[in-house]
Amino acid sequence: MIKNFKHMCLTSFAFILTTVASSVVSANSIWILYEPEVPENLK
């Protein structure tokens, strides 16, 4: 029983970690593709 619970916790943690990592990577990709125009006074 405890072994099953431990395995479930590890699996859930790995899944959450993977989801967060992939969402951060996709957010960075969108930001890099977007490349907003920077006003001259901010350069």
PDB file of N, CA and C in Angstrom:
ATOM      1  N   MET A   1       0.825  -1.200   0.000  1.00  0.00           N
ATOM      2  CA  MET A   1       0.000   0.000   0.000  1.00  0.00           C
ATOM      3  C   MET A   1       0.867   1.260   0.000  1.00  0.00           C
ATOM      4  N   ILE A   2       1.822   1.301   0.927  1.00  0.00           N
ATOM      5  CA  ILE A   2       2.693   2.481   1.011  1.00  0.00           C
ATOM      6  C   ILE A   2       3.550   2.591  -0.245  1.00  0.00           C
ATOM      7  N   LYS A   3       3.988   1.448  -0.760  1.00  0.00           N
ATOM      8  CA  LYS A   3       4.812   1.455  -1.969  1.00  0.00           C
ATOM      9  C   LYS A   3       4.017   2.025  -3.147  1.00  0.00           C
ATOM     10  N   ASN A   4       2.744   1.621  -3.261  1.00  0.00           N
ATOM     11  CA  ASN A   4       1.886   2.143  -4.323  1.00  0.00           C
ATOM     12  C   ASN A   4       1.729   3.650  -4.200  1.00  0.00           C
ATOM     13  N   PHE A   5       1.491   4.124  -2.981  1.00  0.00           N
ATOM     14  CA  PHE A   5       1.300   5.555  -2.745  1.00  0.00           C
ATOM     15  C   PHE A   5       2.558   6.336  -3.110  1.00  0.00           C
ATOM     16  N   LYS A   6       3.715   5.803  -2.734  1.00  0.00           N
ATOM     17  CA  LYS A   6       4.993   6.447  -3.042  1.00  0.00           C
ATOM     18  C   LYS A   6       5.184   6.536  -4.559  1.00  0.00           C
ATOM     19  N   HIS A   7       4.878   5.453  -5.246  1.00  0.00           N
ATOM     20  CA  HIS A   7       5.016   5.425  -6.705  1.00  0.00           C
ATOM     21  C   HIS A   7       4.072   6.436  -7.347  1.00  0.00           C
ATOM     22  N   MET A   8       2.848   6.536  -6.834  1.00  0.00           N
ATOM     23  CA  MET A   8       1.877   7.482  -7.374  1.00  0.00           C
ATOM     24  C   MET A   8       2.358   8.923  -7.174  1.00  0.00           C
ATOM     25  N   CYS A   9       2.915   9.198  -6.001  1.00  0.00           N
ATOM     26  CA  CYS A   9       3.432  10.541  -5.719  1.00  0.00           C
ATOM     27  C   CYS A   9       4.578  10.895  -6.666  1.00  0.00           C
ATOM     28  N   LEU A  10       5.494   9.967  -6.858  1.00  0.00           N
ATOM     29  CA  LEU A  10       6.624  10.221  -7.751  1.00  0.00           C
ATOM     30  C   LEU A  10       6.152  10.441  -9.181  1.00  0.00           C
ATOM     31  N   THR A  11       5.186   9.630  -9.619  1.00  0.00           N
ATOM     32  CA  THR A  11       4.660   9.771 -10.974  1.00  0.00           C
ATOM     33  C   THR A  11       3.975  11.120 -11.147  1.00  0.00           C
ATOM     34  N   SER A  12       3.179  11.510 -10.162  1.00  0.00           N
ATOM     35  CA  SER A  12       2.483  12.795 -10.224  1.00  0.00           C
ATOM     36  C   SER A  12       3.486  13.941 -10.255  1.00  0.00           C
ATOM     37  N   PHE A  13       4.507  13.852  -9.416  1.00  0.00           N
ATOM     38  CA  PHE A  13       5.521  14.901  -9.369  1.00  0.00           C
ATOM     39  C   PHE A  13       6.244  15.023 -10.708  1.00  0.00           C
ATOM     40  N   ALA A  14       6.593  13.891 -11.303  1.00  0.00           N
ATOM     41  CA  ALA A  14       7.281  13.905 -12.594  1.00  0.00           C
ATOM     42  C   ALA A  14       6.380  14.504 -13.671  1.00  0.00           C
ATOM     43  N   PHE A  15       5.094  14.156 -13.638  1.00  0.00           N
ATOM     44  CA  PHE A  15       4.151  14.677 -14.627  1.00  0.00           C
ATOM     45  C   PHE A  15       4.008  16.191 -14.493  1.00  0.00           C
ATOM     46  N   ILE A  16       3.875  16.676 -13.260  1.00  0.00           N
ATOM     47  CA  ILE A  16       3.733  18.120 -13.035  1.00  0.00           C
ATOM     48  C   ILE A  16       4.998  18.845 -13.475  1.00  0.00           C
ATOM     49  N   LEU A  17       6.142  18.288 -13.136  1.00  0.00           N
ATOM     50  CA  LEU A  17       7.416  18.896 -13.516  1.00  0.00           C
ATOM     51  C   LEU A  17       7.539  18.993 -15.033  1.00  0.00           C
ATOM     52  N   THR A  18       7.190  17.925 -15.734  1.00  0.00           N
ATOM     53  CA  THR A  18       7.254  17.912 -17.194  1.00  0.00           C
ATOM     54  C   THR A  18       6.293  18.926 -17.792  1.00  0.00           C
ATOM     55  N   THR A  19       5.079  19.000 -17.245  1.00  0.00           N
ATOM     56  CA  THR A  19       4.083  19.944 -17.752  1.00  0.00           C
ATOM     57  C   THR A  19       4.560  21.378 -17.572  1.00  0.00           C
ATOM     58  N   VAL A  20       5.070  21.694 -16.401  1.00  0.00           N
ATOM     59  CA  VAL A  20       5.557  23.050 -16.131  1.00  0.00           C
ATOM     60  C   VAL A  20       6.728  23.380 -17.049  1.00  0.00           C
ATOM     61  N   ALA A  21       7.658  22.444 -17.201  1.00  0.00           N
ATOM     62  CA  ALA A  21       8.827  22.684 -18.046  1.00  0.00           C
ATOM     63  C   ALA A  21       8.414  22.932 -19.493  1.00  0.00           C
ATOM     64  N   SER A  22       7.490  22.135 -20.015  1.00  0.00           N
ATOM     65  CA  SER A  22       7.079  22.304 -21.412  1.00  0.00           C
ATOM     66  C   SER A  22       6.307  23.602 -21.593  1.00  0.00           C
ATOM     67  N   SER A  23       5.510  24.016 -20.608  1.00  0.00           N
ATOM     68  CA  SER A  23       4.761  25.262 -20.750  1.00  0.00           C
ATOM     69  C   SER A  23       5.709  26.460 -20.703  1.00  0.00           C
ATOM     70  N   VAL A  24       6.749  26.377 -19.888  1.00  0.00           N
ATOM     71  CA  VAL A  24       7.735  27.468 -19.827  1.00  0.00           C
ATOM     72  C   VAL A  24       8.483  27.563 -21.147  1.00  0.00           C
ATOM     73  N   VAL A  25       8.865  26.427 -21.706  1.00  0.00           N
ATOM     74  CA  VAL A  25       9.589  26.420 -22.980  1.00  0.00           C
ATOM     75  C   VAL A  25       8.713  26.998 -24.083  1.00  0.00           C
ATOM     76  N   SER A  26       7.437  26.624 -24.147  1.00  0.00           N
ATOM     77  CA  SER A  26       6.559  27.140 -25.195  1.00  0.00           C
ATOM     78  C   SER A  26       6.326  28.637 -25.003  1.00  0.00           C
ATOM     79  N   ALA A  27       6.221  29.099 -23.755  1.00  0.00           N
ATOM     80  CA  ALA A  27       6.042  30.529 -23.498  1.00  0.00           C
ATOM     81  C   ALA A  27       7.271  31.300 -23.976  1.00  0.00           C
ATOM     82  N   ASN A  28       8.466  30.766 -23.712  1.00  0.00           N
ATOM     83  CA  ASN A  28       9.686  31.424 -24.176  1.00  0.00           C
ATOM     84  C   ASN A  28       9.756  31.427 -25.696  1.00  0.00           C
ATOM     85  N   SER A  29       9.333  30.355 -26.339  1.00  0.00           N
ATOM     86  CA  SER A  29       9.356  30.292 -27.798  1.00  0.00           C
ATOM     87  C   SER A  29       8.429  31.342 -28.394  1.00  0.00           C
ATOM     88  N   ILE A  30       7.239  31.483 -27.809  1.00  0.00           N
ATOM     89  CA  ILE A  30       6.289  32.487 -28.298  1.00  0.00           C
ATOM     90  C   ILE A  30       6.896  33.878 -28.134  1.00  0.00           C
ATOM     91  N   TRP A  31       7.534  34.140 -27.000  1.00  0.00           N
ATOM     92  CA  TRP A  31       8.121  35.453 -26.739  1.00  0.00           C
ATOM     93  C   TRP A  31       9.248  35.742 -27.740  1.00  0.00           C
ATOM     94  N   ILE A  32      10.066  34.725 -28.053  1.00  0.00           N
ATOM     95  CA  ILE A  32      11.168  34.906 -29.001  1.00  0.00           C
ATOM     96  C   ILE A  32      10.609  35.151 -30.404  1.00  0.00           C
ATOM     97  N   LEU A  33       9.541  34.430 -30.768  1.00  0.00           N
ATOM     98  CA  LEU A  33       8.942  34.617 -32.088  1.00  0.00           C
ATOM     99  C   LEU A  33       8.269  35.978 -32.198  1.00  0.00           C
ATOM    100  N   TYR A  34       7.715  36.470 -31.090  1.00  0.00           N
ATOM    101  CA  TYR A  34       6.955  37.719 -31.107  1.00  0.00           C
ATOM    102  C   TYR A  34       7.869  38.919 -31.351  1.00  0.00           C
ATOM    103  N   GLU A  35       8.971  39.012 -30.632  1.00  0.00           N
ATOM    104  CA  GLU A  35       9.939  40.107 -30.749  1.00  0.00           C
ATOM    105  C   GLU A  35       9.251  41.463 -30.841  1.00  0.00           C
ATOM    106  N   PRO A  36       8.779  41.992 -29.728  1.00  0.00           N
ATOM    107  CA  PRO A  36       8.080  43.282 -29.763  1.00  0.00           C
ATOM    108  C   PRO A  36       8.997  44.416 -30.207  1.00  0.00           C
ATOM    109  N   GLU A  37       8.398  45.424 -30.793  1.00  0.00           N
ATOM    110  CA  GLU A  37       9.159  46.607 -31.209  1.00  0.00           C
ATOM    111  C   GLU A  37       9.581  47.376 -29.957  1.00  0.00           C
ATOM    112  N   VAL A  38      10.876  47.648 -29.834  1.00  0.00           N
ATOM    113  CA  VAL A  38      11.366  48.380 -28.669  1.00  0.00           C
ATOM    114  C   VAL A  38      11.471  49.853 -29.044  1.00  0.00           C
ATOM    115  N   PRO A  39      10.809  50.729 -28.292  1.00  0.00           N
ATOM    116  CA  PRO A  39      10.923  52.172 -28.589  1.00  0.00           C
ATOM    117  C   PRO A  39      12.377  52.637 -28.479  1.00  0.00           C
ATOM    118  N   GLU A  40      12.726  53.642 -29.250  1.00  0.00           N
ATOM    119  CA  GLU A  40      14.115  54.119 -29.296  1.00  0.00           C
ATOM    120  C   GLU A  40      14.617  54.570 -27.923  1.00  0.00           C
ATOM    121  N   ASN A  41      13.759  55.215 -27.125  1.00  0.00           N
ATOM    122  CA  ASN A  41      14.231  55.743 -25.840  1.00  0.00           C
ATOM    123  C   ASN A  41      14.501  54.644 -24.816  1.00  0.00           C
ATOM    124  N   LEU A  42      14.077  53.383 -25.085  1.00  0.00           N
ATOM    125  CA  LEU A  42      14.357  52.282 -24.166  1.00  0.00           C
ATOM    126  C   LEU A  42      15.640  51.542 -24.524  1.00  0.00           C
ATOM    127  N   LYS A  43      16.187  51.792 -25.700  1.00  0.00           N
ATOM    128  CA  LYS A  43      17.389  51.073 -26.121  1.00  0.00           C
ATOM    129  C   LYS A  43      18.621  51.626 -25.420  1.00  0.00           C
TER     130      LYS A  43
END
